[in-house]
Amino acid sequence: MPAPAIPPDPRPDPVPQPAPVPAVPRVFVGRRMRFLSLKYPARLNYAWDAEVLAEEDAAFVWFTPGGAPFIRPTHTHRTHYDWIGVEWAGRWYSVTASFLPPHEVEGRAAALHHYYCNIALPGAWTDAARTTYRYVDLDLDVYVRPDGHADVLDTDEFEFHRRHFAYPRDMVAGARRAAREIVALARAGLPPFDGSLAAFHRTLYGPADARMRM
């Protein structure tokens, strides 16, 4: 029997707290890592490799260049955009800024195309060396344009999966709340939608760039 419909949470959302992004360091961390995205409860969704640029206790920033492999269980394709993303400890979402590779825009860095925000259970490192980061994707995504306009995507997939896999009620409420928080942050231009990720892209491709390339 399919899971019953869950009514919207009647409680008002709290004022969204900005999601601070670590500052651009003098020297990038440079640690290679792999992301593992799972579907509830533990089915492989996709994987990709990245490099850690900055790291604090509460968050880390990573980079994957355009053309890198993006691995699904049935096929692999190449990314088009340069991705600079941020993950936070304890938050139910991650944010990835998609930049046009500089060779496509006359060498300019930080040419933002969009942000793509995954709603997920809070992720975690799987090993002491912090080389693999795993999270459970909760279907909902938020697409944010450079002007802050935000669209929540994949609501039909979320509704189907929550019934089919009997998502716990608190997980459903948490996913919906996270999507609303992302929309509110984007509309207000609060971190990370304040240009802080663009600073990393400019530094990667700046004139004094002696940093890593994948």
N, C-alpha and C. Protein backbone atom coordinates (compact mmCIF):
# COMPACT_ATOMS: atom_id res chain seq x y z
N MET A 1 0.85 -1.19 0.00
CA MET A 1 0.00 0.00 0.00
C MET A 1 0.89 1.24 0.00
N PRO A 2 0.62 2.21 -0.86
CA PRO A 2 1.47 3.40 -0.89
C PRO A 2 1.35 4.20 0.39
N ALA A 3 2.41 4.90 0.71
CA ALA A 3 2.40 5.74 1.91
C ALA A 3 1.37 6.83 1.77
N PRO A 4 0.68 7.20 2.84
CA PRO A 4 -0.33 8.26 2.76
C PRO A 4 0.31 9.61 2.52
N ALA A 5 -0.49 10.52 2.01
CA ALA A 5 0.01 11.88 1.79
C ALA A 5 0.36 12.51 3.12
N ILE A 6 1.44 13.30 3.11
CA ILE A 6 1.86 14.00 4.31
C ILE A 6 1.54 15.48 4.13
N PRO A 7 0.72 16.05 5.01
CA PRO A 7 0.36 17.46 4.84
C PRO A 7 1.56 18.35 5.06
N PRO A 8 1.53 19.55 4.50
CA PRO A 8 2.62 20.49 4.72
C PRO A 8 2.80 20.80 6.20
N ASP A 9 4.04 21.07 6.59
CA ASP A 9 4.33 21.44 7.96
C ASP A 9 3.69 22.80 8.24
N PRO A 10 2.76 22.89 9.22
CA PRO A 10 2.05 24.16 9.46
C PRO A 10 2.92 25.22 10.15
N ARG A 11 4.04 24.81 10.72
CA ARG A 11 4.88 25.76 11.43
C ARG A 11 5.59 26.68 10.43
N PRO A 12 5.69 27.97 10.74
CA PRO A 12 6.41 28.86 9.83
C PRO A 12 7.89 28.55 9.82
N ASP A 13 8.53 28.74 8.67
CA ASP A 13 9.97 28.52 8.59
C ASP A 13 10.69 29.60 9.39
N PRO A 14 11.77 29.23 10.08
CA PRO A 14 12.58 30.26 10.73
C PRO A 14 13.28 31.10 9.67
N VAL A 15 13.70 32.29 10.06
CA VAL A 15 14.46 33.12 9.14
C VAL A 15 15.72 32.35 8.75
N PRO A 16 15.96 32.15 7.44
CA PRO A 16 17.11 31.34 7.04
C PRO A 16 18.42 31.98 7.48
N GLN A 17 19.29 31.15 7.99
CA GLN A 17 20.60 31.62 8.41
C GLN A 17 21.57 31.52 7.23
N PRO A 18 22.33 32.58 6.95
CA PRO A 18 23.30 32.49 5.86
C PRO A 18 24.20 31.27 6.04
N ALA A 19 24.57 30.68 4.92
CA ALA A 19 25.45 29.51 4.93
C ALA A 19 26.85 29.99 4.55
N PRO A 20 27.66 30.38 5.52
CA PRO A 20 28.96 30.98 5.20
C PRO A 20 29.86 30.04 4.42
N VAL A 21 30.63 30.63 3.54
CA VAL A 21 31.59 29.89 2.72
C VAL A 21 32.99 30.18 3.26
N PRO A 22 33.83 29.16 3.44
CA PRO A 22 35.20 29.43 3.88
C PRO A 22 35.89 30.44 2.96
N ALA A 23 36.76 31.23 3.54
CA ALA A 23 37.49 32.23 2.75
C ALA A 23 38.49 31.54 1.82
N VAL A 24 38.81 32.23 0.73
CA VAL A 24 39.83 31.72 -0.19
C VAL A 24 41.16 31.70 0.56
N PRO A 25 41.81 30.55 0.68
CA PRO A 25 43.07 30.50 1.42
C PRO A 25 44.25 30.97 0.57
N ARG A 26 45.34 31.27 1.25
CA ARG A 26 46.56 31.64 0.52
C ARG A 26 47.05 30.48 -0.34
N VAL A 27 46.88 29.27 0.16
CA VAL A 27 47.26 28.05 -0.57
C VAL A 27 46.08 27.10 -0.48
N PHE A 28 45.65 26.57 -1.62
CA PHE A 28 44.55 25.62 -1.62
C PHE A 28 44.96 24.33 -0.90
N VAL A 29 43.98 23.68 -0.29
CA VAL A 29 44.25 22.43 0.42
C VAL A 29 44.82 21.39 -0.55
N GLY A 30 44.18 21.23 -1.70
CA GLY A 30 44.74 20.37 -2.74
C GLY A 30 44.54 18.88 -2.56
N ARG A 31 43.67 18.47 -1.65
CA ARG A 31 43.46 17.04 -1.43
C ARG A 31 42.47 16.47 -2.43
N ARG A 32 42.84 15.41 -3.10
CA ARG A 32 41.92 14.74 -4.02
C ARG A 32 40.86 13.97 -3.23
N MET A 33 39.66 13.94 -3.75
CA MET A 33 38.56 13.27 -3.06
C MET A 33 37.54 12.76 -4.07
N ARG A 34 36.64 11.94 -3.59
CA ARG A 34 35.52 11.45 -4.42
C ARG A 34 34.21 11.64 -3.67
N PHE A 35 33.21 12.11 -4.40
CA PHE A 35 31.85 12.19 -3.88
C PHE A 35 31.10 10.91 -4.25
N LEU A 36 30.33 10.38 -3.32
CA LEU A 36 29.42 9.28 -3.57
C LEU A 36 28.01 9.75 -3.21
N SER A 37 27.15 9.83 -4.21
CA SER A 37 25.75 10.19 -3.99
C SER A 37 24.93 8.91 -4.00
N LEU A 38 24.16 8.72 -2.94
CA LEU A 38 23.30 7.54 -2.82
C LEU A 38 21.84 7.96 -2.88
N LYS A 39 20.98 7.04 -3.30
CA LYS A 39 19.55 7.21 -3.18
C LYS A 39 19.08 6.39 -1.98
N TYR A 40 18.06 6.90 -1.29
CA TYR A 40 17.57 6.25 -0.08
C TYR A 40 17.12 4.82 -0.38
N PRO A 41 17.51 3.82 0.46
CA PRO A 41 18.33 4.02 1.65
C PRO A 41 19.84 3.98 1.38
N ALA A 42 20.29 3.22 0.33
CA ALA A 42 21.74 3.12 0.11
C ALA A 42 22.07 2.65 -1.30
N ARG A 43 21.31 3.12 -2.29
CA ARG A 43 21.57 2.73 -3.68
C ARG A 43 22.48 3.77 -4.32
N LEU A 44 23.51 3.30 -5.04
CA LEU A 44 24.42 4.23 -5.69
C LEU A 44 23.67 5.07 -6.73
N ASN A 45 23.84 6.36 -6.65
CA ASN A 45 23.21 7.29 -7.57
C ASN A 45 24.23 7.77 -8.61
N TYR A 46 25.32 8.37 -8.16
CA TYR A 46 26.41 8.76 -9.04
C TYR A 46 27.64 9.08 -8.21
N ALA A 47 28.76 9.28 -8.90
CA ALA A 47 30.02 9.60 -8.25
C ALA A 47 30.82 10.53 -9.14
N TRP A 48 31.66 11.35 -8.51
CA TRP A 48 32.58 12.17 -9.29
C TRP A 48 33.76 12.57 -8.40
N ASP A 49 34.85 12.94 -9.04
CA ASP A 49 36.07 13.31 -8.32
C ASP A 49 36.19 14.82 -8.24
N ALA A 50 36.85 15.27 -7.19
CA ALA A 50 37.00 16.70 -6.94
C ALA A 50 38.32 16.93 -6.22
N GLU A 51 38.62 18.19 -5.99
CA GLU A 51 39.78 18.57 -5.21
C GLU A 51 39.32 19.59 -4.17
N VAL A 52 39.72 19.35 -2.93
CA VAL A 52 39.35 20.25 -1.85
C VAL A 52 40.19 21.53 -1.96
N LEU A 53 39.51 22.68 -1.97
CA LEU A 53 40.21 23.96 -2.06
C LEU A 53 40.38 24.62 -0.70
N ALA A 54 39.35 24.56 0.12
CA ALA A 54 39.39 25.18 1.45
C ALA A 54 38.58 24.32 2.40
N GLU A 55 38.99 24.30 3.66
CA GLU A 55 38.35 23.40 4.61
C GLU A 55 38.36 24.02 6.00
N GLU A 56 37.20 24.00 6.63
CA GLU A 56 37.04 24.40 8.02
C GLU A 56 36.25 23.30 8.73
N ASP A 57 36.06 23.45 10.04
CA ASP A 57 35.31 22.43 10.77
C ASP A 57 33.88 22.32 10.26
N ALA A 58 33.28 23.45 9.88
CA ALA A 58 31.86 23.46 9.54
C ALA A 58 31.59 23.34 8.05
N ALA A 59 32.60 23.43 7.20
CA ALA A 59 32.33 23.43 5.75
C ALA A 59 33.63 23.20 4.98
N PHE A 60 33.47 22.76 3.73
CA PHE A 60 34.61 22.71 2.83
C PHE A 60 34.17 23.08 1.41
N VAL A 61 35.11 23.63 0.65
CA VAL A 61 34.87 24.04 -0.74
C VAL A 61 35.68 23.13 -1.65
N TRP A 62 35.07 22.72 -2.76
CA TRP A 62 35.73 21.79 -3.68
C TRP A 62 35.61 22.28 -5.11
N PHE A 63 36.43 21.70 -5.98
CA PHE A 63 36.49 22.09 -7.39
C PHE A 63 36.55 20.85 -8.28
N THR A 64 35.74 20.86 -9.33
CA THR A 64 35.81 19.86 -10.41
C THR A 64 35.79 20.62 -11.73
N PRO A 65 36.77 20.42 -12.60
CA PRO A 65 36.82 21.20 -13.84
C PRO A 65 35.87 20.66 -14.90
N GLY A 66 35.47 21.52 -15.81
CA GLY A 66 34.69 21.08 -16.96
C GLY A 66 35.43 19.99 -17.71
N GLY A 67 34.68 18.98 -18.15
CA GLY A 67 35.28 17.86 -18.87
C GLY A 67 35.59 16.67 -17.99
N ALA A 68 35.42 16.79 -16.69
CA ALA A 68 35.70 15.67 -15.78
C ALA A 68 34.61 14.61 -15.90
N PRO A 69 34.94 13.34 -15.63
CA PRO A 69 33.92 12.29 -15.71
C PRO A 69 32.92 12.36 -14.56
N PHE A 70 31.67 12.13 -14.91
CA PHE A 70 30.56 12.08 -13.95
C PHE A 70 29.97 10.68 -14.11
N ILE A 71 30.07 9.87 -13.07
CA ILE A 71 29.87 8.42 -13.18
C ILE A 71 28.52 8.01 -12.61
N ARG A 72 27.70 7.41 -13.44
CA ARG A 72 26.44 6.81 -13.00
C ARG A 72 26.55 5.29 -13.11
N PRO A 73 25.66 4.53 -12.46
CA PRO A 73 25.77 3.08 -12.52
C PRO A 73 25.73 2.52 -13.94
N THR A 74 25.03 3.21 -14.85
CA THR A 74 24.87 2.67 -16.21
C THR A 74 25.73 3.35 -17.26
N HIS A 75 26.27 4.51 -16.97
CA HIS A 75 27.07 5.23 -17.97
C HIS A 75 27.87 6.34 -17.31
N THR A 76 28.82 6.86 -18.06
CA THR A 76 29.64 7.99 -17.61
C THR A 76 29.58 9.08 -18.67
N HIS A 77 29.41 10.33 -18.23
CA HIS A 77 29.50 11.43 -19.18
C HIS A 77 30.44 12.49 -18.63
N ARG A 78 30.76 13.48 -19.43
CA ARG A 78 31.70 14.52 -19.05
C ARG A 78 30.94 15.78 -18.63
N THR A 79 31.41 16.41 -17.59
CA THR A 79 30.79 17.65 -17.16
C THR A 79 31.11 18.76 -18.15
N HIS A 80 30.20 19.69 -18.29
CA HIS A 80 30.45 20.82 -19.19
C HIS A 80 31.04 22.01 -18.44
N TYR A 81 30.51 22.29 -17.26
CA TYR A 81 30.90 23.48 -16.51
C TYR A 81 32.03 23.18 -15.53
N ASP A 82 32.76 24.24 -15.16
CA ASP A 82 33.61 24.17 -13.98
C ASP A 82 32.70 24.24 -12.77
N TRP A 83 32.85 23.29 -11.87
CA TRP A 83 32.03 23.25 -10.65
C TRP A 83 32.86 23.69 -9.45
N ILE A 84 32.35 24.62 -8.69
CA ILE A 84 32.90 24.93 -7.38
C ILE A 84 31.75 24.84 -6.40
N GLY A 85 31.88 23.91 -5.47
CA GLY A 85 30.77 23.63 -4.56
C GLY A 85 31.18 23.76 -3.11
N VAL A 86 30.18 23.77 -2.26
CA VAL A 86 30.43 23.85 -0.83
C VAL A 86 29.51 22.88 -0.10
N GLU A 87 30.07 22.20 0.88
CA GLU A 87 29.34 21.28 1.73
C GLU A 87 29.46 21.77 3.17
N TRP A 88 28.36 21.69 3.90
CA TRP A 88 28.34 22.12 5.30
C TRP A 88 28.01 20.95 6.22
N ALA A 89 28.64 20.93 7.35
CA ALA A 89 28.31 19.92 8.35
C ALA A 89 26.91 20.19 8.89
N GLY A 90 26.06 19.17 8.84
CA GLY A 90 24.74 19.26 9.46
C GLY A 90 23.65 19.90 8.63
N ARG A 91 23.97 20.46 7.45
CA ARG A 91 22.92 21.07 6.62
C ARG A 91 22.36 20.03 5.64
N TRP A 92 21.08 20.23 5.31
CA TRP A 92 20.38 19.28 4.46
C TRP A 92 20.47 19.69 2.99
N TYR A 93 21.52 20.34 2.61
CA TYR A 93 21.70 20.71 1.21
C TYR A 93 23.17 21.00 0.95
N SER A 94 23.52 20.98 -0.33
CA SER A 94 24.83 21.44 -0.79
C SER A 94 24.57 22.38 -1.96
N VAL A 95 25.53 23.24 -2.26
CA VAL A 95 25.39 24.21 -3.33
C VAL A 95 26.60 24.12 -4.24
N THR A 96 26.33 24.00 -5.54
CA THR A 96 27.39 23.97 -6.54
C THR A 96 27.19 25.12 -7.52
N ALA A 97 28.21 25.94 -7.67
CA ALA A 97 28.19 27.01 -8.67
C ALA A 97 28.80 26.48 -9.96
N SER A 98 28.06 26.63 -11.06
CA SER A 98 28.53 26.18 -12.38
C SER A 98 29.02 27.38 -13.17
N PHE A 99 30.33 27.39 -13.44
CA PHE A 99 30.95 28.49 -14.17
C PHE A 99 31.33 28.03 -15.58
N LEU A 100 31.20 28.94 -16.53
CA LEU A 100 31.68 28.64 -17.87
C LEU A 100 33.19 28.54 -17.84
N PRO A 101 33.77 27.49 -18.45
CA PRO A 101 35.23 27.41 -18.50
C PRO A 101 35.80 28.66 -19.18
N PRO A 102 36.87 29.24 -18.66
CA PRO A 102 37.40 30.49 -19.21
C PRO A 102 37.69 30.45 -20.71
N HIS A 103 38.07 29.29 -21.24
CA HIS A 103 38.38 29.24 -22.67
C HIS A 103 37.14 29.47 -23.54
N GLU A 104 35.94 29.38 -22.92
CA GLU A 104 34.71 29.62 -23.68
C GLU A 104 34.28 31.08 -23.63
N VAL A 105 34.88 31.85 -22.75
CA VAL A 105 34.45 33.25 -22.56
C VAL A 105 35.67 34.18 -22.58
N GLU A 106 36.52 33.99 -23.59
CA GLU A 106 37.66 34.87 -23.82
C GLU A 106 38.57 34.99 -22.61
N GLY A 107 38.72 33.88 -21.90
CA GLY A 107 39.64 33.84 -20.78
C GLY A 107 39.11 34.39 -19.48
N ARG A 108 37.86 34.84 -19.45
CA ARG A 108 37.32 35.42 -18.22
C ARG A 108 36.98 34.32 -17.21
N ALA A 109 37.34 34.58 -15.97
CA ALA A 109 36.96 33.67 -14.89
C ALA A 109 35.68 34.16 -14.23
N ALA A 110 35.09 33.27 -13.44
CA ALA A 110 33.90 33.59 -12.63
C ALA A 110 32.69 33.99 -13.48
N ALA A 111 32.57 33.43 -14.68
CA ALA A 111 31.38 33.66 -15.51
C ALA A 111 30.32 32.65 -15.06
N LEU A 112 29.52 33.05 -14.08
CA LEU A 112 28.54 32.15 -13.47
C LEU A 112 27.39 31.86 -14.43
N HIS A 113 27.08 30.58 -14.62
CA HIS A 113 25.92 30.19 -15.42
C HIS A 113 24.71 29.93 -14.52
N HIS A 114 24.90 29.19 -13.45
CA HIS A 114 23.81 28.92 -12.51
C HIS A 114 24.38 28.26 -11.26
N TYR A 115 23.55 28.17 -10.24
CA TYR A 115 23.81 27.33 -9.07
C TYR A 115 22.88 26.12 -9.13
N TYR A 116 23.40 24.98 -8.71
CA TYR A 116 22.56 23.79 -8.60
C TYR A 116 22.69 23.29 -7.16
N CYS A 117 21.55 23.14 -6.51
CA CYS A 117 21.55 22.83 -5.08
C CYS A 117 20.86 21.49 -4.86
N ASN A 118 21.58 20.56 -4.27
CA ASN A 118 21.04 19.24 -3.97
C ASN A 118 20.47 19.23 -2.55
N ILE A 119 19.26 18.75 -2.43
CA ILE A 119 18.67 18.51 -1.11
C ILE A 119 19.02 17.08 -0.72
N ALA A 120 19.61 16.92 0.46
CA ALA A 120 20.13 15.61 0.85
C ALA A 120 20.22 15.53 2.36
N LEU A 121 20.28 14.29 2.86
CA LEU A 121 20.64 14.12 4.26
C LEU A 121 22.05 14.65 4.48
N PRO A 122 22.34 15.20 5.65
CA PRO A 122 23.70 15.70 5.89
C PRO A 122 24.74 14.63 5.59
N GLY A 123 25.75 15.03 4.79
CA GLY A 123 26.77 14.08 4.37
C GLY A 123 27.87 13.93 5.42
N ALA A 124 28.80 13.01 5.11
CA ALA A 124 29.90 12.75 6.05
C ALA A 124 31.06 12.11 5.30
N TRP A 125 32.26 12.35 5.81
CA TRP A 125 33.43 11.64 5.31
C TRP A 125 33.36 10.18 5.74
N THR A 126 33.80 9.29 4.89
CA THR A 126 33.76 7.86 5.23
C THR A 126 35.08 7.33 5.73
N ASP A 127 36.14 8.15 5.69
CA ASP A 127 37.47 7.67 6.07
C ASP A 127 38.23 8.78 6.80
N ALA A 128 39.19 8.37 7.60
CA ALA A 128 39.95 9.33 8.40
C ALA A 128 40.75 10.29 7.54
N ALA A 129 41.17 9.85 6.37
CA ALA A 129 41.95 10.70 5.48
C ALA A 129 41.10 11.71 4.72
N ARG A 130 39.80 11.62 4.86
CA ARG A 130 38.86 12.52 4.19
C ARG A 130 39.06 12.53 2.67
N THR A 131 38.99 11.35 2.10
CA THR A 131 39.10 11.24 0.65
C THR A 131 37.79 10.82 -0.02
N THR A 132 36.81 10.38 0.76
CA THR A 132 35.50 10.00 0.21
C THR A 132 34.41 10.64 1.06
N TYR A 133 33.51 11.35 0.39
CA TYR A 133 32.41 12.03 1.07
C TYR A 133 31.10 11.46 0.52
N ARG A 134 30.25 10.99 1.42
CA ARG A 134 29.03 10.29 1.02
C ARG A 134 27.81 10.99 1.59
N TYR A 135 26.75 11.03 0.76
CA TYR A 135 25.49 11.60 1.23
C TYR A 135 24.33 10.89 0.54
N VAL A 136 23.14 11.01 1.12
CA VAL A 136 21.93 10.40 0.57
C VAL A 136 21.10 11.51 -0.06
N ASP A 137 20.95 11.45 -1.36
CA ASP A 137 20.19 12.43 -2.13
C ASP A 137 18.69 12.23 -1.89
N LEU A 138 17.99 13.34 -1.66
CA LEU A 138 16.55 13.27 -1.38
C LEU A 138 15.72 13.83 -2.54
N ASP A 139 16.23 13.70 -3.74
CA ASP A 139 15.47 13.95 -4.98
C ASP A 139 15.30 15.43 -5.32
N LEU A 140 14.87 16.22 -4.36
CA LEU A 140 14.61 17.63 -4.65
C LEU A 140 15.91 18.36 -4.98
N ASP A 141 15.84 19.26 -5.95
CA ASP A 141 16.95 20.12 -6.31
C ASP A 141 16.41 21.54 -6.47
N VAL A 142 17.29 22.50 -6.32
CA VAL A 142 16.91 23.89 -6.54
C VAL A 142 17.89 24.49 -7.55
N TYR A 143 17.35 25.03 -8.63
CA TYR A 143 18.14 25.67 -9.68
C TYR A 143 18.05 27.18 -9.45
N VAL A 144 19.20 27.81 -9.28
CA VAL A 144 19.25 29.23 -8.98
C VAL A 144 19.99 29.96 -10.09
N ARG A 145 19.34 30.96 -10.66
CA ARG A 145 19.97 31.78 -11.69
C ARG A 145 20.88 32.83 -11.06
N PRO A 146 21.77 33.43 -11.84
CA PRO A 146 22.65 34.46 -11.28
C PRO A 146 21.91 35.63 -10.64
N ASP A 147 20.66 35.90 -11.09
CA ASP A 147 19.90 37.02 -10.51
C ASP A 147 19.16 36.63 -9.22
N GLY A 148 19.34 35.40 -8.77
CA GLY A 148 18.71 34.96 -7.53
C GLY A 148 17.37 34.26 -7.70
N HIS A 149 16.83 34.25 -8.92
CA HIS A 149 15.57 33.52 -9.15
C HIS A 149 15.82 32.03 -8.93
N ALA A 150 14.94 31.39 -8.18
CA ALA A 150 15.13 29.99 -7.80
C ALA A 150 13.91 29.16 -8.16
N ASP A 151 14.15 27.97 -8.71
CA ASP A 151 13.09 27.02 -9.04
C ASP A 151 13.38 25.69 -8.35
N VAL A 152 12.38 25.15 -7.66
CA VAL A 152 12.50 23.83 -7.04
C VAL A 152 12.16 22.78 -8.10
N LEU A 153 13.07 21.82 -8.28
CA LEU A 153 12.94 20.80 -9.32
C LEU A 153 12.66 19.43 -8.71
N ASP A 154 12.16 18.53 -9.56
CA ASP A 154 12.02 17.11 -9.24
C ASP A 154 11.05 16.84 -8.09
N THR A 155 10.03 17.65 -7.98
CA THR A 155 9.04 17.41 -6.93
C THR A 155 8.25 16.13 -7.18
N ASP A 156 8.00 15.81 -8.46
CA ASP A 156 7.28 14.56 -8.76
C ASP A 156 8.10 13.34 -8.36
N GLU A 157 9.40 13.39 -8.63
CA GLU A 157 10.28 12.28 -8.24
C GLU A 157 10.31 12.13 -6.72
N PHE A 158 10.35 13.26 -6.04
CA PHE A 158 10.36 13.22 -4.58
C PHE A 158 9.07 12.57 -4.05
N GLU A 159 7.92 12.98 -4.59
CA GLU A 159 6.66 12.42 -4.11
C GLU A 159 6.57 10.93 -4.40
N PHE A 160 7.04 10.51 -5.58
CA PHE A 160 7.01 9.08 -5.91
C PHE A 160 7.92 8.29 -4.97
N HIS A 161 9.14 8.75 -4.79
CA HIS A 161 10.09 8.00 -3.97
C HIS A 161 9.68 7.99 -2.49
N ARG A 162 9.14 9.10 -2.01
CA ARG A 162 8.78 9.10 -0.59
C ARG A 162 7.66 8.10 -0.31
N ARG A 163 6.77 7.89 -1.28
CA ARG A 163 5.73 6.88 -1.10
C ARG A 163 6.30 5.47 -1.32
N HIS A 164 7.06 5.32 -2.42
CA HIS A 164 7.55 3.99 -2.79
C HIS A 164 8.52 3.43 -1.75
N PHE A 165 9.40 4.30 -1.23
CA PHE A 165 10.41 3.85 -0.27
C PHE A 165 10.05 4.20 1.17
N ALA A 166 8.84 4.73 1.37
CA ALA A 166 8.36 5.05 2.72
C ALA A 166 9.34 5.93 3.48
N TYR A 167 9.65 7.08 2.90
CA TYR A 167 10.53 8.03 3.58
C TYR A 167 9.96 8.34 4.97
N PRO A 168 10.79 8.37 5.99
CA PRO A 168 10.31 8.78 7.32
C PRO A 168 9.75 10.21 7.30
N ARG A 169 8.79 10.47 8.15
CA ARG A 169 8.13 11.78 8.16
C ARG A 169 9.11 12.92 8.42
N ASP A 170 10.07 12.69 9.34
CA ASP A 170 11.00 13.78 9.64
C ASP A 170 11.93 14.04 8.46
N MET A 171 12.21 13.02 7.67
CA MET A 171 13.05 13.20 6.49
C MET A 171 12.31 14.00 5.42
N VAL A 172 11.03 13.71 5.25
CA VAL A 172 10.21 14.47 4.29
C VAL A 172 10.14 15.93 4.70
N ALA A 173 9.87 16.17 5.97
CA ALA A 173 9.78 17.55 6.45
C ALA A 173 11.11 18.26 6.32
N GLY A 174 12.21 17.58 6.63
CA GLY A 174 13.53 18.19 6.52
C GLY A 174 13.90 18.55 5.10
N ALA A 175 13.56 17.68 4.14
CA ALA A 175 13.86 17.96 2.74
C ALA A 175 13.07 19.16 2.24
N ARG A 176 11.80 19.22 2.58
CA ARG A 176 10.98 20.35 2.13
C ARG A 176 11.46 21.65 2.76
N ARG A 177 11.83 21.59 4.02
CA ARG A 177 12.31 22.79 4.71
C ARG A 177 13.63 23.27 4.10
N ALA A 178 14.51 22.32 3.75
CA ALA A 178 15.79 22.69 3.15
C ALA A 178 15.59 23.38 1.81
N ALA A 179 14.66 22.88 1.00
CA ALA A 179 14.39 23.51 -0.30
C ALA A 179 13.88 24.94 -0.10
N ARG A 180 12.99 25.14 0.86
CA ARG A 180 12.49 26.49 1.11
C ARG A 180 13.60 27.41 1.61
N GLU A 181 14.51 26.87 2.40
CA GLU A 181 15.61 27.69 2.92
C GLU A 181 16.52 28.13 1.78
N ILE A 182 16.83 27.22 0.85
CA ILE A 182 17.67 27.58 -0.29
C ILE A 182 17.02 28.69 -1.10
N VAL A 183 15.73 28.57 -1.37
CA VAL A 183 15.02 29.59 -2.15
C VAL A 183 15.10 30.94 -1.43
N ALA A 184 14.91 30.94 -0.12
CA ALA A 184 14.95 32.20 0.63
C ALA A 184 16.35 32.81 0.61
N LEU A 185 17.38 32.00 0.77
CA LEU A 185 18.75 32.50 0.73
C LEU A 185 19.08 33.09 -0.64
N ALA A 186 18.66 32.39 -1.69
CA ALA A 186 18.96 32.86 -3.05
C ALA A 186 18.27 34.18 -3.33
N ARG A 187 17.01 34.29 -2.96
CA ARG A 187 16.26 35.52 -3.23
C ARG A 187 16.85 36.71 -2.47
N ALA A 188 17.39 36.43 -1.29
CA ALA A 188 17.96 37.51 -0.47
C ALA A 188 19.42 37.81 -0.82
N GLY A 189 20.02 36.98 -1.67
CA GLY A 189 21.43 37.18 -2.01
C GLY A 189 22.36 36.94 -0.84
N LEU A 190 21.96 36.05 0.07
CA LEU A 190 22.78 35.73 1.23
C LEU A 190 23.74 34.60 0.90
N PRO A 191 24.85 34.47 1.66
CA PRO A 191 25.78 33.37 1.40
C PRO A 191 25.06 32.04 1.38
N PRO A 192 25.40 31.18 0.39
CA PRO A 192 26.53 31.27 -0.54
C PRO A 192 26.21 31.95 -1.87
N PHE A 193 25.06 32.64 -1.95
CA PHE A 193 24.63 33.25 -3.21
C PHE A 193 25.04 34.73 -3.28
N ASP A 194 26.19 35.02 -2.74
CA ASP A 194 26.68 36.39 -2.65
C ASP A 194 27.97 36.61 -3.42
N GLY A 195 28.35 35.66 -4.27
CA GLY A 195 29.59 35.79 -5.04
C GLY A 195 30.80 35.18 -4.37
N SER A 196 30.62 34.59 -3.19
CA SER A 196 31.78 34.04 -2.48
C SER A 196 32.41 32.86 -3.21
N LEU A 197 31.62 32.07 -3.92
CA LEU A 197 32.21 30.96 -4.68
C LEU A 197 32.91 31.45 -5.94
N ALA A 198 32.45 32.57 -6.49
CA ALA A 198 33.12 33.15 -7.66
C ALA A 198 34.55 33.55 -7.33
N ALA A 199 34.79 33.95 -6.08
CA ALA A 199 36.15 34.35 -5.69
C ALA A 199 37.12 33.18 -5.85
N PHE A 200 36.66 31.97 -5.60
CA PHE A 200 37.51 30.80 -5.79
C PHE A 200 37.84 30.61 -7.27
N HIS A 201 36.85 30.78 -8.13
CA HIS A 201 37.09 30.58 -9.56
C HIS A 201 38.06 31.63 -10.09
N ARG A 202 37.91 32.87 -9.66
CA ARG A 202 38.84 33.91 -10.08
C ARG A 202 40.26 33.60 -9.62
N THR A 203 40.38 33.07 -8.40
CA THR A 203 41.71 32.75 -7.90
C THR A 203 42.33 31.59 -8.66
N LEU A 204 41.51 30.59 -9.00
CA LEU A 204 42.02 29.45 -9.76
C LEU A 204 42.62 29.89 -11.10
N TYR A 205 41.98 30.85 -11.75
CA TYR A 205 42.38 31.23 -13.10
C TYR A 205 43.01 32.61 -13.15
N GLY A 206 43.41 33.12 -11.98
CA GLY A 206 44.02 34.45 -11.96
C GLY A 206 45.41 34.46 -12.57
N PRO A 207 45.96 35.64 -12.78
CA PRO A 207 47.25 35.75 -13.44
C PRO A 207 48.40 35.13 -12.65
N ALA A 208 48.20 35.04 -11.32
CA ALA A 208 49.26 34.46 -10.50
C ALA A 208 49.00 32.98 -10.20
N ASP A 209 48.12 32.37 -11.01
CA ASP A 209 47.71 31.00 -10.73
C ASP A 209 48.87 30.04 -10.90
N ALA A 210 49.34 29.50 -9.78
CA ALA A 210 50.32 28.44 -9.82
C ALA A 210 49.74 27.22 -9.11
N ARG A 211 48.40 27.13 -9.13
CA ARG A 211 47.73 26.12 -8.34
C ARG A 211 47.44 24.90 -9.18
N MET A 212 46.75 23.95 -8.52
CA MET A 212 46.54 22.66 -9.12
C MET A 212 45.66 22.71 -10.36
N ARG A 213 45.79 21.71 -11.17
CA ARG A 213 44.88 21.42 -12.28
C ARG A 213 44.62 19.93 -12.24
N MET A 214 43.39 19.55 -12.48
CA MET A 214 43.05 18.12 -12.42
C MET A 214 43.21 17.51 -13.80
